C-alpha atoms as a PDB file:
ATOM      1  CA  MET A   1      -8.364  46.419 -23.491  1.00  0.00           C
ATOM      2  CA  LEU A   2      -5.692  44.026 -23.388  1.00  0.00           C
ATOM      3  CA  TYR A   3      -3.107  47.154 -24.957  1.00  0.00           C
ATOM      4  CA  TRP A   4      -5.512  49.441 -21.975  1.00  0.00           C
ATOM      5  CA  PHE A   5      -4.518  46.737 -19.859  1.00  0.00           C
ATOM      6  CA  MET A   6      -0.681  46.172 -20.410  1.00  0.00           C
ATOM      7  CA  TYR A   7      -0.100  50.717 -21.145  1.00  0.00           C
ATOM      8  CA  ARG A   8      -1.753  51.345 -17.595  1.00  0.00           C
ATOM      9  CA  VAL A   9      -0.672  48.374 -15.625  1.00  0.00           C
ATOM     10  CA  VAL A  10       2.315  45.931 -16.302  1.00  0.00           C
ATOM     11  CA  ARG A  11       4.184  49.102 -18.437  1.00  0.00           C
ATOM     12  CA  PRO A  12       4.632  51.013 -14.612  1.00  0.00           C
ATOM     13  CA  LEU A  13       5.050  47.761 -12.704  1.00  0.00           C
ATOM     14  CA  LEU A  14       8.282  46.689 -15.421  1.00  0.00           C
ATOM     15  CA  ARG A  15       9.415  50.350 -15.259  1.00  0.00           C
ATOM     16  CA  ILE A  16       9.724  50.052 -11.879  1.00  0.00           C
ATOM     17  CA  VAL A  17      11.888  46.972 -12.693  1.00  0.00           C
ATOM     18  CA  PHE A  18      13.758  47.489 -14.803  1.00  0.00           C
ATOM     19  CA  ARG A  19      14.339  51.271 -13.270  1.00  0.00           C
ATOM     20  CA  PRO A  20      15.470  53.326 -16.863  1.00  0.00           C
ATOM     21  CA  VAL A  21      17.779  56.311 -17.285  1.00  0.00           C
ATOM     22  CA  VAL A  22      16.417  58.027 -19.695  1.00  0.00           C
ATOM     23  CA  VAL A  23      18.099  60.299 -21.701  1.00  0.00           C
ATOM     24  CA  GLY A  24      16.056  63.106 -24.584  1.00  0.00           C
ATOM     25  CA  LEU A  25      12.818  62.209 -24.632  1.00  0.00           C
ATOM     26  CA  GLU A  26      11.840  64.874 -25.743  1.00  0.00           C
ATOM     27  CA  ASN A  27      13.375  64.291 -29.099  1.00  0.00           C
ATOM     28  CA  VAL A  28      10.212  61.777 -29.733  1.00  0.00           C
ATOM     29  CA  PRO A  29       7.036  63.456 -31.783  1.00  0.00           C
ATOM     30  CA  GLU A  30       4.492  63.120 -29.131  1.00  0.00           C
ATOM     31  CA  ASP A  31       1.912  62.261 -31.953  1.00  0.00           C
ATOM     32  CA  GLY A  32       2.195  61.300 -36.407  1.00  0.00           C
ATOM     33  CA  ALA A  33       4.555  58.988 -38.325  1.00  0.00           C
ATOM     34  CA  VAL A  34       7.795  58.400 -36.947  1.00  0.00           C
ATOM     35  CA  ILE A  35      11.067  55.737 -36.584  1.00  0.00           C
ATOM     36  CA  LEU A  36      12.792  55.229 -34.750  1.00  0.00           C
ATOM     37  CA  ALA A  37      16.005  53.532 -34.968  1.00  0.00           C
ATOM     38  CA  SER A  38      18.220  52.085 -32.335  1.00  0.00           C
ATOM     39  CA  ASN A  39      21.543  49.729 -31.815  1.00  0.00           C
ATOM     40  CA  HIS A  40      20.222  46.541 -30.843  1.00  0.00           C
ATOM     41  CA  LEU A  41      22.387  44.565 -27.803  1.00  0.00           C
ATOM     42  CA  SER A  42      19.808  42.089 -26.525  1.00  0.00           C
ATOM     43  CA  PHE A  43      15.859  41.265 -26.995  1.00  0.00           C
ATOM     44  CA  VAL A  44      15.284  43.026 -24.090  1.00  0.00           C
ATOM     45  CA  ASP A  45      16.091  46.536 -25.933  1.00  0.00           C
ATOM     46  CA  SER A  46      12.001  45.691 -27.975  1.00  0.00           C
ATOM     47  CA  VAL A  47      10.571  45.992 -24.311  1.00  0.00           C
ATOM     48  CA  LEU A  48      12.575  48.746 -22.899  1.00  0.00           C
ATOM     49  CA  ILE A  49      12.003  50.960 -25.609  1.00  0.00           C
ATOM     50  CA  PRO A  50       8.626  50.901 -25.505  1.00  0.00           C
ATOM     51  CA  LEU A  51       8.302  50.821 -22.110  1.00  0.00           C
ATOM     52  CA  VAL A  52       9.832  55.147 -22.089  1.00  0.00           C
ATOM     53  CA  VAL A  53       8.055  56.350 -25.247  1.00  0.00           C
ATOM     54  CA  PRO A  54       4.810  57.079 -23.723  1.00  0.00           C
ATOM     55  CA  ARG A  55       2.908  56.020 -27.169  1.00  0.00           C
ATOM     56  CA  ARG A  56       2.130  52.947 -29.027  1.00  0.00           C
ATOM     57  CA  VAL A  57       5.348  52.372 -30.808  1.00  0.00           C
ATOM     58  CA  THR A  58       4.431  48.860 -32.700  1.00  0.00           C
ATOM     59  CA  PHE A  59       8.210  46.808 -34.029  1.00  0.00           C
ATOM     60  CA  ILE A  60       8.712  43.579 -35.863  1.00  0.00           C
ATOM     61  CA  ALA A  61       9.252  40.447 -34.476  1.00  0.00           C
ATOM     62  CA  LYS A  62      10.219  37.108 -35.462  1.00  0.00           C
ATOM     63  CA  ALA A  63       7.366  34.669 -35.417  1.00  0.00           C
ATOM     64  CA  GLU A  64       8.155  31.989 -33.195  1.00  0.00           C
ATOM     65  CA  TYR A  65       7.679  34.125 -30.436  1.00  0.00           C
ATOM     66  CA  PHE A  66       3.663  34.741 -30.969  1.00  0.00           C
ATOM     67  CA  GLU A  67       3.799  30.518 -31.536  1.00  0.00           C
ATOM     68  CA  GLY A  68       5.395  28.954 -28.326  1.00  0.00           C
ATOM     69  CA  LYS A  69       4.085  27.234 -25.266  1.00  0.00           C
ATOM     70  CA  GLY A  70       3.458  28.281 -22.015  1.00  0.00           C
ATOM     71  CA  ALA A  71       6.270  30.931 -20.823  1.00  0.00           C
ATOM     72  CA  ALA A  72       6.683  31.732 -24.425  1.00  0.00           C
ATOM     73  CA  ARG A  73       3.068  32.153 -24.641  1.00  0.00           C
ATOM     74  CA  VAL A  74       2.548  34.873 -22.558  1.00  0.00           C
ATOM     75  CA  LEU A  75       5.716  36.401 -23.721  1.00  0.00           C
ATOM     76  CA  GLY A  76       3.844  36.426 -26.964  1.00  0.00           C
ATOM     77  CA  ALA A  77       0.713  37.440 -25.978  1.00  0.00           C
ATOM     78  CA  PHE A  78       2.745  40.949 -24.135  1.00  0.00           C
ATOM     79  CA  LEU A  79       4.686  41.261 -27.469  1.00  0.00           C
ATOM     80  CA  ASP A  80       0.948  41.360 -29.544  1.00  0.00           C
ATOM     81  CA  ALA A  81       0.168  43.496 -26.536  1.00  0.00           C
ATOM     82  CA  MET A  82       2.650  45.815 -26.724  1.00  0.00           C
ATOM     83  CA  GLY A  83       1.888  46.026 -31.115  1.00  0.00           C
ATOM     84  CA  HIS A  84       4.513  44.183 -32.095  1.00  0.00           C
ATOM     85  CA  ILE A  85       3.821  42.326 -35.459  1.00  0.00           C
ATOM     86  CA  PRO A  86       5.203  38.362 -36.383  1.00  0.00           C
ATOM     87  CA  VAL A  87       6.978  38.063 -39.584  1.00  0.00           C
ATOM     88  CA  PRO A  88       8.861  35.172 -40.313  1.00  0.00           C
ATOM     89  CA  ARG A  89      12.365  35.586 -40.718  1.00  0.00           C
ATOM     90  CA  THR A  90      13.416  32.377 -42.489  1.00  0.00           C
ATOM     91  CA  GLU A  91      11.173  33.478 -45.559  1.00  0.00           C
ATOM     92  CA  GLN A  92      12.626  35.131 -48.261  1.00  0.00           C
ATOM     93  CA  ARG A  93      10.743  37.860 -48.821  1.00  0.00           C
ATOM     94  CA  ALA A  94      10.434  38.378 -44.939  1.00  0.00           C
ATOM     95  CA  ALA A  95      12.669  41.615 -44.861  1.00  0.00           C
ATOM     96  CA  VAL A  96      10.682  43.240 -47.653  1.00  0.00           C
ATOM     97  CA  ALA A  97       7.399  42.165 -46.058  1.00  0.00           C
ATOM     98  CA  ALA A  98       8.162  43.899 -43.021  1.00  0.00           C
ATOM     99  CA  LEU A  99       9.174  46.676 -45.105  1.00  0.00           C
ATOM    100  CA  ASP A 100       5.399  47.149 -46.791  1.00  0.00           C
ATOM    101  CA  ILE A 101       3.658  46.653 -42.934  1.00  0.00           C
ATOM    102  CA  ALA A 102       6.034  49.242 -41.788  1.00  0.00           C
ATOM    103  CA  LEU A 103       5.284  51.162 -44.346  1.00  0.00           C
ATOM    104  CA  GLY A 104       1.725  50.760 -43.457  1.00  0.00           C
ATOM    105  CA  VAL A 105       2.520  51.505 -39.978  1.00  0.00           C
ATOM    106  CA  LEU A 106       3.882  55.040 -40.783  1.00  0.00           C
ATOM    107  CA  ASN A 107       1.128  56.138 -43.624  1.00  0.00           C
ATOM    108  CA  ASP A 108      -1.565  55.876 -40.689  1.00  0.00           C
ATOM    109  CA  GLY A 109       0.656  58.250 -38.534  1.00  0.00           C
ATOM    110  CA  ASN A 110       2.403  56.199 -35.883  1.00  0.00           C
ATOM    111  CA  ALA A 111       5.715  55.152 -34.602  1.00  0.00           C
ATOM    112  CA  PHE A 112       7.874  52.424 -36.292  1.00  0.00           C
ATOM    113  CA  ALA A 113      10.614  51.234 -34.317  1.00  0.00           C
ATOM    114  CA  ILE A 114      13.919  49.280 -36.109  1.00  0.00           C
ATOM    115  CA  TYR A 115      16.890  47.797 -35.878  1.00  0.00           C
ATOM    116  CA  PRO A 116      19.032  49.174 -38.450  1.00  0.00           C
ATOM    117  CA  GLU A 117      21.504  47.088 -37.787  1.00  0.00           C
ATOM    118  CA  GLY A 118      19.220  44.229 -38.645  1.00  0.00           C
ATOM    119  CA  THR A 119      20.617  41.371 -35.848  1.00  0.00           C
ATOM    120  CA  ARG A 120      21.831  41.809 -32.049  1.00  0.00           C
ATOM    121  CA  SER A 121      25.726  42.776 -31.217  1.00  0.00           C
ATOM    122  CA  GLU A 122      27.415  39.865 -29.562  1.00  0.00           C
ATOM    123  CA  ASP A 123      30.148  42.123 -29.605  1.00  0.00           C
ATOM    124  CA  GLY A 124      28.987  45.305 -28.266  1.00  0.00           C
ATOM    125  CA  ARG A 125      30.046  47.369 -31.456  1.00  0.00           C
ATOM    126  CA  LEU A 126      28.103  49.379 -33.459  1.00  0.00           C
ATOM    127  CA  TYR A 127      27.907  47.574 -37.103  1.00  0.00           C
ATOM    128  CA  ARG A 128      26.762  49.092 -40.457  1.00  0.00           C
ATOM    129  CA  GLY A 129      23.363  50.324 -40.759  1.00  0.00           C
ATOM    130  CA  HIS A 130      21.089  47.975 -43.628  1.00  0.00           C
ATOM    131  CA  THR A 131      19.697  50.794 -45.964  1.00  0.00           C
ATOM    132  CA  GLY A 132      15.894  49.338 -45.868  1.00  0.00           C
ATOM    133  CA  VAL A 133      15.218  52.076 -42.365  1.00  0.00           C
ATOM    134  CA  GLY A 134      16.465  54.786 -45.220  1.00  0.00           C
ATOM    135  CA  TRP A 135      14.027  53.642 -47.593  1.00  0.00           C
ATOM    136  CA  LEU A 136      11.154  53.608 -45.028  1.00  0.00           C
ATOM    137  CA  ALA A 137      11.294  57.703 -44.579  1.00  0.00           C
ATOM    138  CA  LEU A 138      12.111  59.132 -47.832  1.00  0.00           C
ATOM    139  CA  ASN A 139       8.979  56.915 -48.875  1.00  0.00           C
ATOM    140  CA  ALA A 140       7.194  57.226 -45.658  1.00  0.00           C
ATOM    141  CA  LYS A 141       8.591  60.549 -45.937  1.00  0.00           C
ATOM    142  CA  VAL A 142       8.592  60.899 -41.716  1.00  0.00           C
ATOM    143  CA  SER A 143      11.828  61.983 -39.633  1.00  0.00           C
ATOM    144  CA  VAL A 144      13.751  59.304 -37.898  1.00  0.00           C
ATOM    145  CA  VAL A 145      15.003  59.708 -34.109  1.00  0.00           C
ATOM    146  CA  PRO A 146      18.415  57.707 -33.134  1.00  0.00           C
ATOM    147  CA  VAL A 147      18.360  55.830 -30.788  1.00  0.00           C
ATOM    148  CA  ALA A 148      20.388  54.451 -28.422  1.00  0.00           C
ATOM    149  CA  VAL A 149      19.838  51.483 -25.716  1.00  0.00           C
ATOM    150  CA  LYS A 150      22.833  50.562 -23.009  1.00  0.00           C
ATOM    151  CA  GLY A 151      23.121  48.047 -20.407  1.00  0.00           C
ATOM    152  CA  THR A 152      20.304  46.131 -21.758  1.00  0.00           C
ATOM    153  CA  GLU A 153      23.206  42.966 -23.080  1.00  0.00           C
ATOM    154  CA  LYS A 154      23.729  42.617 -18.706  1.00  0.00           C
ATOM    155  CA  ILE A 155      20.219  42.185 -18.349  1.00  0.00           C
ATOM    156  CA  MET A 156      19.303  39.643 -21.028  1.00  0.00           C
ATOM    157  CA  PRO A 157      22.923  38.097 -23.172  1.00  0.00           C
ATOM    158  CA  VAL A 158      22.756  37.188 -26.440  1.00  0.00           C
ATOM    159  CA  GLY A 159      21.380  33.508 -25.951  1.00  0.00           C
ATOM    160  CA  SER A 160      19.782  33.337 -22.092  1.00  0.00           C
ATOM    161  CA  LYS A 161      16.106  32.925 -21.872  1.00  0.00           C
ATOM    162  CA  ILE A 162      15.223  35.002 -18.818  1.00  0.00           C
ATOM    163  CA  PRO A 163      16.422  38.733 -17.607  1.00  0.00           C
ATOM    164  CA  ILE A 164      17.807  39.751 -15.148  1.00  0.00           C
ATOM    165  CA  PRO A 165      17.001  43.033 -14.679  1.00  0.00           C
ATOM    166  CA  ARG A 166      17.372  43.857 -11.400  1.00  0.00           C
ATOM    167  CA  LEU A 167      21.172  43.774 -11.692  1.00  0.00           C
ATOM    168  CA  HIS A 168      22.010  46.194 -14.166  1.00  0.00           C
ATOM    169  CA  ARG A 169      19.772  49.239 -14.834  1.00  0.00           C
ATOM    170  CA  PRO A 170      20.106  50.228 -19.056  1.00  0.00           C
ATOM    171  CA  GLY A 171      19.523  53.359 -20.188  1.00  0.00           C
ATOM    172  CA  VAL A 172      17.258  54.516 -23.781  1.00  0.00           C
ATOM    173  CA  LYS A 173      19.297  58.129 -25.119  1.00  0.00           C
ATOM    174  CA  PHE A 174      17.105  59.402 -27.849  1.00  0.00           C
ATOM    175  CA  GLY A 175      18.866  61.537 -30.137  1.00  0.00           C
ATOM    176  CA  LYS A 176      17.182  64.579 -32.311  1.00  0.00           C
ATOM    177  CA  PRO A 177      15.425  64.004 -35.037  1.00  0.00           C
ATOM    178  CA  ILE A 178      16.412  63.634 -38.899  1.00  0.00           C
ATOM    179  CA  ASP A 179      14.742  65.248 -41.389  1.00  0.00           C
ATOM    180  CA  TYR A 180      14.153  62.865 -44.363  1.00  0.00           C
ATOM    181  CA  THR A 181      14.071  65.844 -47.108  1.00  0.00           C
ATOM    182  CA  ALA A 182      17.829  66.696 -46.555  1.00  0.00           C
ATOM    183  CA  PHE A 183      18.272  63.241 -48.578  1.00  0.00           C
ATOM    184  CA  ALA A 184      14.504  63.566 -50.457  1.00  0.00           C
ATOM    185  CA  ASP A 185      17.135  63.945 -54.025  1.00  0.00           C
ATOM    186  CA  LEU A 186      19.422  62.722 -53.784  1.00  0.00           C
ATOM    187  CA  PRO A 187      19.499  59.710 -56.238  1.00  0.00           C
ATOM    188  CA  PRO A 188      17.151  56.903 -54.696  1.00  0.00           C
ATOM    189  CA  ALA A 189      19.808  54.619 -53.808  1.00  0.00           C
ATOM    190  CA  LYS A 190      22.459  56.893 -52.726  1.00  0.00           C
ATOM    191  CA  GLY A 191      19.977  59.435 -50.517  1.00  0.00           C
ATOM    192  CA  ARG A 192      19.546  55.553 -48.631  1.00  0.00           C
ATOM    193  CA  ARG A 193      22.438  54.917 -48.197  1.00  0.00           C
ATOM    194  CA  ALA A 194      23.418  58.286 -47.085  1.00  0.00           C
ATOM    195  CA  MET A 195      20.587  58.885 -44.866  1.00  0.00           C
ATOM    196  CA  VAL A 196      21.800  55.258 -43.105  1.00  0.00           C
ATOM    197  CA  ASP A 197      24.727  56.390 -42.805  1.00  0.00           C
ATOM    198  CA  GLU A 198      23.679  59.902 -41.031  1.00  0.00           C
ATOM    199  CA  ILE A 199      21.020  57.670 -38.623  1.00  0.00           C
ATOM    200  CA  MET A 200      24.611  55.482 -37.883  1.00  0.00           C
ATOM    201  CA  LYS A 201      27.130  58.139 -36.589  1.00  0.00           C
ATOM    202  CA  GLU A 202      24.140  59.393 -34.864  1.00  0.00           C
ATOM    203  CA  ILE A 203      23.342  56.132 -32.735  1.00  0.00           C
ATOM    204  CA  ARG A 204      27.086  55.621 -32.212  1.00  0.00           C
ATOM    205  CA  THR A 205      27.231  59.471 -31.152  1.00  0.00           C
ATOM    206  CA  LEU A 206      24.686  58.985 -28.294  1.00  0.00           C
ATOM    207  CA  SER A 207      25.974  54.813 -27.446  1.00  0.00           C
ATOM    208  CA  ARG A 208      29.236  55.465 -28.038  1.00  0.00           C
ATOM    209  CA  GLN A 209      29.772  52.172 -29.222  1.00  0.00           C
ATOM    210  CA  GLU A 210      32.856  50.962 -31.626  1.00  0.00           C
ATOM    211  CA  TYR A 211      32.015  51.253 -35.177  1.00  0.00           C
ATOM    212  CA  ALA A 212      32.853  47.684 -36.454  1.00  0.00           C
ATOM    213  CA  GLY A 213      32.016  49.701 -40.444  1.00  0.00           C
ATOM    214  CA  VAL A 214      30.965  46.338 -41.901  1.00  0.00           C
ATOM    215  CA  TYR A 215      27.227  44.329 -42.446  1.00  0.00           C
ATOM    216  CA  ASN A 216      26.481  41.645 -39.068  1.00  0.00           C
ATOM    217  CA  GLU A 217      26.424  38.921 -39.757  1.00  0.00           C
ATOM    218  CA  ARG A 218      24.107  36.347 -37.838  1.00  0.00           C
ATOM    219  CA  SER A 219      25.399  33.540 -35.575  1.00  0.00           C
ATOM    220  CA  LYS A 220      23.736  29.900 -34.272  1.00  0.00           C
ATOM    221  CA  GLN A 221      22.893  31.716 -30.798  1.00  0.00           C
ATOM    222  CA  THR A 222      21.367  35.681 -32.434  1.00  0.00           C
ATOM    223  CA  GLN A 223      19.114  33.309 -34.740  1.00  0.00           C
ATOM    224  CA  ALA A 224      17.759  31.324 -31.615  1.00  0.00           C
END
């Protein structure tokens, strides 16, 4: 019931508020398992992508978002209704747990969204992708749709608490699906790395970001 309310009532209202410019939505399949792999500029990304995709999209989110009080409690309820799954990021096994959860989502035939960079970019550059998305795609045997968000860092910069959507109009671009079978016959580690590098190449083409070529490291602001 809560998801229906969010989807039928809150979602259309948020689209009016954010006014996103969407390109390539036809590249996202209407049903069946699929991974959406996006660059990451702001917390708003996790709201914007499910907002523009006409099907339920599951994200992994920090457990802290679901555990607060007051406004934070409202945020947690919203994320839960939109299909976000809480995972403690401070635990050493959190990354493995997140991949297991994601695999279950995909095995059930649903859409799962992931940020290959691992965390938000504070300087606007695109960072090297981690191989978790390659592991997911090859183990679940699903294609990956590259996604580029634009302008969300202006709506809610790293460290800010409240988004200001009316001042900036964000954009979301969806690229053509990347078929996992092109990498399935490679040795596992090599296949994962090659697939992720291809995904990041496509995200860079869509976003036109400068490529850093190294992994992103979380600062205290990004961890907050």
